[in-house]
Amino acid sequence: MWPRRKIQLAASSAVPGISGVRAVLEEIQLDYSMVEPTQEDLSREFRENWLDKPFDGNAVQVPETFSPVTELVFWPNLQEENSLREKAFAKGIKVQSVESFIHNLLEDNLIIWISEPAVLIDDRPLLLHILNQAGFEPTALWATPDGKWQCERKEGVHWLISESWLEGLMEKNSLGRRISNDRGNAQAAWEIRENQIDFYRSQDRKKFVGHLPRWPKLSEEEAAVQNIAICIDLGVSWLDIRLALSSIWKNERMADNLRWKINDFGWNVGACREELSAP
């Protein structure tokens, strides 16, 4: 029996982006250990090799405490990179860079980049919140306000990733099958009015989708509106969007027949889109 896959991640803990890599590895439950790039650590890590262990039938006889490394993933441009790769090759261990590992991990997925600072609802990105409500079940990797990285794994084909992850290491447009939120090819549009935001399914604004109240935090409004437009482009129904966002206005009720009056809005049961009279 071959040993289970185990990653040896060779990188400095101070490298930007490495915390996100570790968060992904932990969330997808891929066994790994991390070694700082020093000769002493590298020599100790590769001291034993499961390929050298004696066979008994189909089983590799190894002590229960021995956890073999089957794959080396290294951060590029390490001072000890050449020595590290030579040691791994000599032991028959698969070697690849972080770039290759991430490309292979995401090659069959659709990538949606989360602009930063991200708009959060219950400590999770707005995009993740809406798409989960709509049943897309995306995987998400994002930076929390305190600078930590968090990953949430689901079964959908979409990955939501903070734009700062792997910045300077690789081109984000090269990851996955396509970039789902490329606004250059987007169809959804919006218009921010005095008291509401209107959304359309086409850039010429001929296909009205619905409207929402102005975003509670004006500093987040532009990013929030872009996130909602991405969801429209992905085919999320307006009902799912409204339901996902209803908790934001906890003291208000939202529906198609919601109408504004000056800076307030109200609810007219059974109404057919008529304006509410002033109080």
Protein backbone atom coordinates (compact mmCIF):
# COMPACT_ATOMS: atom_id res chain seq x y z
CA MET A 1 0.00 0.00 0.00
CA TRP A 2 1.46 3.38 -1.02
CA PRO A 3 1.57 6.05 1.68
CA ARG A 4 -1.02 8.80 1.58
CA ARG A 5 -0.12 12.05 -0.10
CA LYS A 6 1.80 14.42 2.13
CA ILE A 7 3.04 17.85 1.11
CA GLN A 8 6.27 19.36 2.37
CA LEU A 9 5.79 23.11 2.02
CA ALA A 10 9.12 24.94 1.90
CA ALA A 11 8.71 28.66 2.36
CA SER A 12 9.35 31.44 4.81
CA SER A 13 6.40 32.15 7.09
CA ALA A 14 6.99 35.85 6.36
CA VAL A 15 6.31 35.49 2.62
CA PRO A 16 3.10 37.32 1.59
CA GLY A 17 0.46 34.81 0.53
CA ILE A 18 1.88 31.76 2.32
CA SER A 19 -0.78 32.03 5.05
CA GLY A 20 -3.44 31.71 2.35
CA VAL A 21 -1.73 28.61 0.93
CA ARG A 22 -1.70 27.04 4.38
CA ALA A 23 -5.38 27.92 4.92
CA VAL A 24 -6.27 26.17 1.64
CA LEU A 25 -4.24 23.06 2.50
CA GLU A 26 -5.89 22.81 5.90
CA GLU A 27 -9.41 23.32 4.54
CA ILE A 28 -9.07 20.71 1.77
CA GLN A 29 -7.57 18.40 4.41
CA LEU A 30 -4.37 17.74 2.50
CA ASP A 31 -1.71 16.51 4.89
CA TYR A 32 1.26 18.84 4.94
CA SER A 33 4.10 20.14 7.04
CA MET A 34 6.02 23.37 6.63
CA VAL A 35 9.75 23.88 6.84
CA GLU A 36 11.55 27.19 6.95
CA PRO A 37 14.18 27.36 4.20
CA THR A 38 17.36 26.65 6.16
CA GLN A 39 19.92 23.97 5.40
CA GLU A 40 19.59 22.49 8.88
CA ASP A 41 15.83 22.01 8.60
CA LEU A 42 16.03 20.66 5.06
CA SER A 43 18.66 18.07 6.00
CA ARG A 44 16.56 16.87 8.90
CA GLU A 45 13.34 16.76 6.87
CA PHE A 46 14.69 14.46 4.15
CA ARG A 47 16.76 12.22 6.41
CA GLU A 48 14.44 9.27 5.84
CA ASN A 49 12.77 8.18 2.61
CA TRP A 50 9.75 5.89 2.36
CA LEU A 51 11.02 4.62 -1.01
CA ASP A 52 13.94 2.97 0.81
CA LYS A 53 11.67 1.01 3.17
CA PRO A 54 11.46 -2.81 2.72
CA PHE A 55 8.35 -4.30 1.14
CA ASP A 56 6.27 -7.12 2.61
CA GLY A 57 3.73 -8.04 -0.05
CA ASN A 58 1.92 -4.85 -0.99
CA ALA A 59 2.65 -3.02 2.24
CA VAL A 60 5.51 -0.68 2.99
CA GLN A 61 6.94 -1.50 6.39
CA VAL A 62 7.41 1.80 8.23
CA PRO A 63 7.21 2.75 11.88
CA GLU A 64 3.85 4.18 12.87
CA THR A 65 5.54 7.43 13.87
CA PHE A 66 7.19 7.87 10.46
CA SER A 67 5.24 10.19 8.20
CA PRO A 68 6.85 10.16 4.73
CA VAL A 69 6.91 13.20 2.50
CA THR A 70 5.61 12.34 -0.96
CA GLU A 71 5.67 15.79 -2.54
CA LEU A 72 7.73 18.94 -2.15
CA VAL A 73 6.09 22.32 -2.86
CA PHE A 74 8.52 25.22 -2.69
CA TRP A 75 8.23 28.98 -2.82
CA PRO A 76 10.29 30.27 -5.75
CA ASN A 77 13.57 32.16 -5.40
CA LEU A 78 14.53 30.62 -2.08
CA GLN A 79 18.21 30.92 -1.30
CA GLU A 80 18.37 27.16 -0.79
CA GLU A 81 16.06 26.28 -3.72
CA ASN A 82 18.60 24.31 -5.78
CA SER A 83 19.86 22.34 -2.80
CA LEU A 84 16.30 21.66 -1.68
CA ARG A 85 15.24 20.36 -5.10
CA GLU A 86 18.34 18.17 -5.41
CA LYS A 87 17.66 16.52 -2.04
CA ALA A 88 14.05 15.84 -2.99
CA PHE A 89 14.92 14.45 -6.45
CA ALA A 90 17.55 12.18 -4.88
CA LYS A 91 14.88 10.75 -2.58
CA GLY A 92 12.38 10.19 -5.41
CA ILE A 93 10.05 12.88 -4.12
CA LYS A 94 7.82 14.81 -6.53
CA VAL A 95 8.87 18.46 -6.75
CA GLN A 96 6.81 21.43 -7.90
CA SER A 97 6.62 25.15 -7.26
CA VAL A 98 3.79 26.89 -5.45
CA GLU A 99 2.67 28.32 -8.80
CA SER A 100 2.34 24.85 -10.32
CA PHE A 101 0.57 23.51 -7.25
CA ILE A 102 -2.00 26.32 -7.26
CA HIS A 103 -2.52 26.07 -11.04
CA ASN A 104 -3.17 22.31 -10.76
CA LEU A 105 -5.49 22.82 -7.80
CA LEU A 106 -7.65 25.42 -9.57
CA GLU A 107 -7.42 24.33 -13.21
CA ASP A 108 -10.99 22.94 -13.37
CA ASN A 109 -12.61 25.70 -11.33
CA LEU A 110 -14.17 29.05 -12.17
CA ILE A 111 -12.38 31.86 -10.34
CA ILE A 112 -14.14 34.94 -9.00
CA TRP A 113 -11.81 37.54 -7.50
CA ILE A 114 -12.95 39.36 -4.37
CA SER A 115 -12.00 43.03 -4.47
CA GLU A 116 -10.50 44.44 -1.31
CA PRO A 117 -11.32 45.60 1.22
CA ALA A 118 -14.04 42.97 0.96
CA VAL A 119 -17.61 43.70 1.98
CA LEU A 120 -18.40 41.27 4.80
CA ILE A 121 -21.68 39.93 6.13
CA ASP A 122 -21.39 37.92 9.34
CA ASP A 123 -17.60 37.92 8.85
CA ARG A 124 -17.87 36.32 5.41
CA PRO A 125 -17.56 37.95 1.96
CA LEU A 126 -20.77 39.35 0.49
CA LEU A 127 -20.28 37.27 -2.68
CA LEU A 128 -20.00 34.09 -0.63
CA HIS A 129 -23.09 34.99 1.35
CA ILE A 130 -25.27 35.57 -1.73
CA LEU A 131 -23.99 32.60 -3.76
CA ASN A 132 -24.50 30.24 -0.83
CA GLN A 133 -28.08 31.49 -0.53
CA ALA A 134 -28.54 30.73 -4.24
CA GLY A 135 -27.15 27.19 -3.90
CA PHE A 136 -23.87 27.71 -5.79
CA GLU A 137 -21.78 26.37 -2.88
CA PRO A 138 -18.52 28.12 -3.82
CA THR A 139 -15.21 27.63 -2.07
CA ALA A 140 -13.85 30.89 -0.67
CA LEU A 141 -10.46 32.16 0.44
CA TRP A 142 -10.36 35.62 1.95
CA ALA A 143 -8.39 37.84 4.29
CA THR A 144 -10.13 38.78 7.52
CA PRO A 145 -9.97 42.38 8.82
CA ASP A 146 -7.23 41.36 11.28
CA GLY A 147 -5.04 40.11 8.41
CA LYS A 148 -5.59 36.37 8.87
CA TRP A 149 -6.58 34.09 6.00
CA GLN A 150 -9.70 31.96 6.09
CA CYS A 151 -10.79 29.24 3.67
CA GLU A 152 -14.22 27.62 3.41
CA ARG A 153 -14.51 24.55 1.18
CA LYS A 154 -17.75 23.64 -0.59
CA GLU A 155 -18.64 21.38 -3.54
CA GLY A 156 -19.37 24.00 -6.20
CA VAL A 157 -17.10 24.78 -9.17
CA HIS A 158 -16.54 28.42 -8.19
CA TRP A 159 -13.64 29.67 -6.07
CA LEU A 160 -13.92 33.12 -4.50
CA ILE A 161 -10.42 34.45 -3.83
CA SER A 162 -9.16 37.72 -2.36
CA GLU A 163 -7.26 39.71 -4.96
CA SER A 164 -4.18 40.15 -2.75
CA TRP A 165 -3.50 36.41 -2.53
CA LEU A 166 -0.37 35.42 -4.48
CA GLU A 167 0.01 39.03 -5.61
CA GLY A 168 3.37 39.40 -7.35
CA LEU A 169 3.81 35.64 -7.68
CA MET A 170 1.59 34.87 -10.67
CA GLU A 171 -0.96 36.47 -12.96
CA LYS A 172 -4.40 35.97 -11.47
CA ASN A 173 -5.95 35.82 -14.96
CA SER A 174 -4.01 32.60 -15.58
CA LEU A 175 -5.80 30.66 -12.84
CA GLY A 176 -8.85 28.48 -13.43
CA ARG A 177 -10.97 28.10 -16.55
CA ARG A 178 -12.05 31.74 -16.79
CA ILE A 179 -12.45 34.90 -14.76
CA SER A 180 -16.14 35.10 -13.96
CA ASN A 181 -16.15 38.73 -12.77
CA ASP A 182 -14.28 40.35 -15.64
CA ARG A 183 -16.30 43.57 -15.81
CA GLY A 184 -15.14 44.14 -19.37
CA ASN A 185 -17.48 41.32 -20.47
CA ALA A 186 -20.17 41.93 -17.88
CA GLN A 187 -23.81 42.52 -18.77
CA ALA A 188 -25.31 43.64 -15.47
CA ALA A 189 -25.49 47.38 -14.84
CA TRP A 190 -26.80 49.65 -12.12
CA GLU A 191 -27.78 53.19 -11.36
CA ILE A 192 -27.38 54.71 -7.91
CA ARG A 193 -30.24 57.10 -7.24
CA GLU A 194 -30.88 59.34 -4.27
CA ASN A 195 -32.65 56.71 -2.19
CA GLN A 196 -32.26 53.44 -4.06
CA ILE A 197 -30.08 51.43 -6.42
CA ASP A 198 -31.61 50.11 -9.64
CA PHE A 199 -30.15 46.99 -11.28
CA TYR A 200 -30.39 45.99 -14.94
CA ARG A 201 -29.54 42.82 -16.83
CA SER A 202 -28.00 44.68 -19.78
CA GLN A 203 -25.53 47.52 -20.17
CA ASP A 204 -28.09 49.61 -22.11
CA ARG A 205 -30.37 49.33 -19.05
CA LYS A 206 -33.35 48.06 -21.00
CA LYS A 207 -33.88 44.97 -18.84
CA PHE A 208 -34.79 46.08 -15.33
CA VAL A 209 -34.09 43.47 -12.65
CA GLY A 210 -35.02 45.19 -9.40
CA HIS A 211 -33.92 47.74 -6.87
CA LEU A 212 -32.52 47.86 -3.36
CA PRO A 213 -32.22 50.55 -0.72
CA ARG A 214 -28.95 52.46 -0.60
CA TRP A 215 -26.19 50.45 1.08
CA PRO A 216 -26.04 51.13 4.85
CA LYS A 217 -22.31 51.95 4.73
CA LEU A 218 -21.66 54.37 1.90
CA SER A 219 -17.93 53.56 1.98
CA GLU A 220 -18.82 49.97 0.97
CA GLU A 221 -21.56 50.81 -1.50
CA GLU A 222 -19.57 50.70 -4.76
CA ALA A 223 -17.94 47.35 -3.90
CA ALA A 224 -21.26 45.91 -2.69
CA VAL A 225 -23.05 46.96 -5.89
CA GLN A 226 -20.32 45.38 -8.02
CA ASN A 227 -20.68 42.13 -6.05
CA ILE A 228 -24.44 42.10 -6.62
CA ALA A 229 -23.90 42.76 -10.35
CA ILE A 230 -21.52 39.77 -10.51
CA CYS A 231 -24.26 37.59 -9.01
CA ILE A 232 -26.73 38.81 -11.65
CA ASP A 233 -24.20 37.95 -14.38
CA LEU A 234 -23.83 34.47 -12.89
CA GLY A 235 -27.58 33.90 -13.17
CA VAL A 236 -28.54 34.29 -9.52
CA SER A 237 -32.26 35.06 -9.28
CA TRP A 238 -33.32 38.42 -7.94
CA LEU A 239 -35.37 36.63 -5.27
CA ASP A 240 -32.27 34.86 -3.95
CA ILE A 241 -30.34 38.12 -3.94
CA ARG A 242 -33.08 39.89 -2.00
CA LEU A 243 -33.43 37.06 0.50
CA ALA A 244 -29.67 36.96 1.06
CA LEU A 245 -29.56 40.70 1.71
CA SER A 246 -32.76 41.05 3.72
CA SER A 247 -30.92 40.74 7.04
CA ILE A 248 -28.95 43.92 6.28
CA TRP A 249 -32.06 46.00 6.77
CA LYS A 250 -33.26 44.14 9.84
CA ASN A 251 -35.98 46.58 10.75
CA GLU A 252 -37.40 46.87 7.26
CA ARG A 253 -39.38 44.58 4.96
CA MET A 254 -38.44 44.19 1.29
CA ALA A 255 -40.44 43.07 -1.73
CA ASP A 256 -41.35 44.04 -5.28
CA ASN A 257 -43.96 46.53 -4.11
CA LEU A 258 -41.53 48.37 -1.85
CA ARG A 259 -41.66 52.12 -2.56
CA TRP A 260 -39.74 55.15 -1.36
CA LYS A 261 -41.04 58.43 -0.02
CA ILE A 262 -38.39 61.11 0.61
CA ASN A 263 -35.84 59.35 2.89
CA ASP A 264 -38.17 56.66 4.19
CA PHE A 265 -39.76 53.58 2.72
CA GLY A 266 -42.78 51.59 3.71
CA TRP A 267 -44.89 48.57 2.95
CA ASN A 268 -48.27 48.65 1.26
CA VAL A 269 -49.93 45.24 1.46
CA GLY A 270 -51.42 44.16 -1.86
CA ALA A 271 -50.04 47.18 -3.66
CA CYS A 272 -49.19 47.08 -7.34
CA ARG A 273 -46.13 49.28 -7.44
CA GLU A 274 -47.98 52.49 -6.50
CA GLU A 275 -46.23 55.11 -4.42
CA LEU A 276 -47.07 55.35 -0.74
CA SER A 277 -48.72 58.52 0.36
CA ALA A 278 -46.80 60.89 2.57
CA PRO A 279 -47.52 60.43 6.30
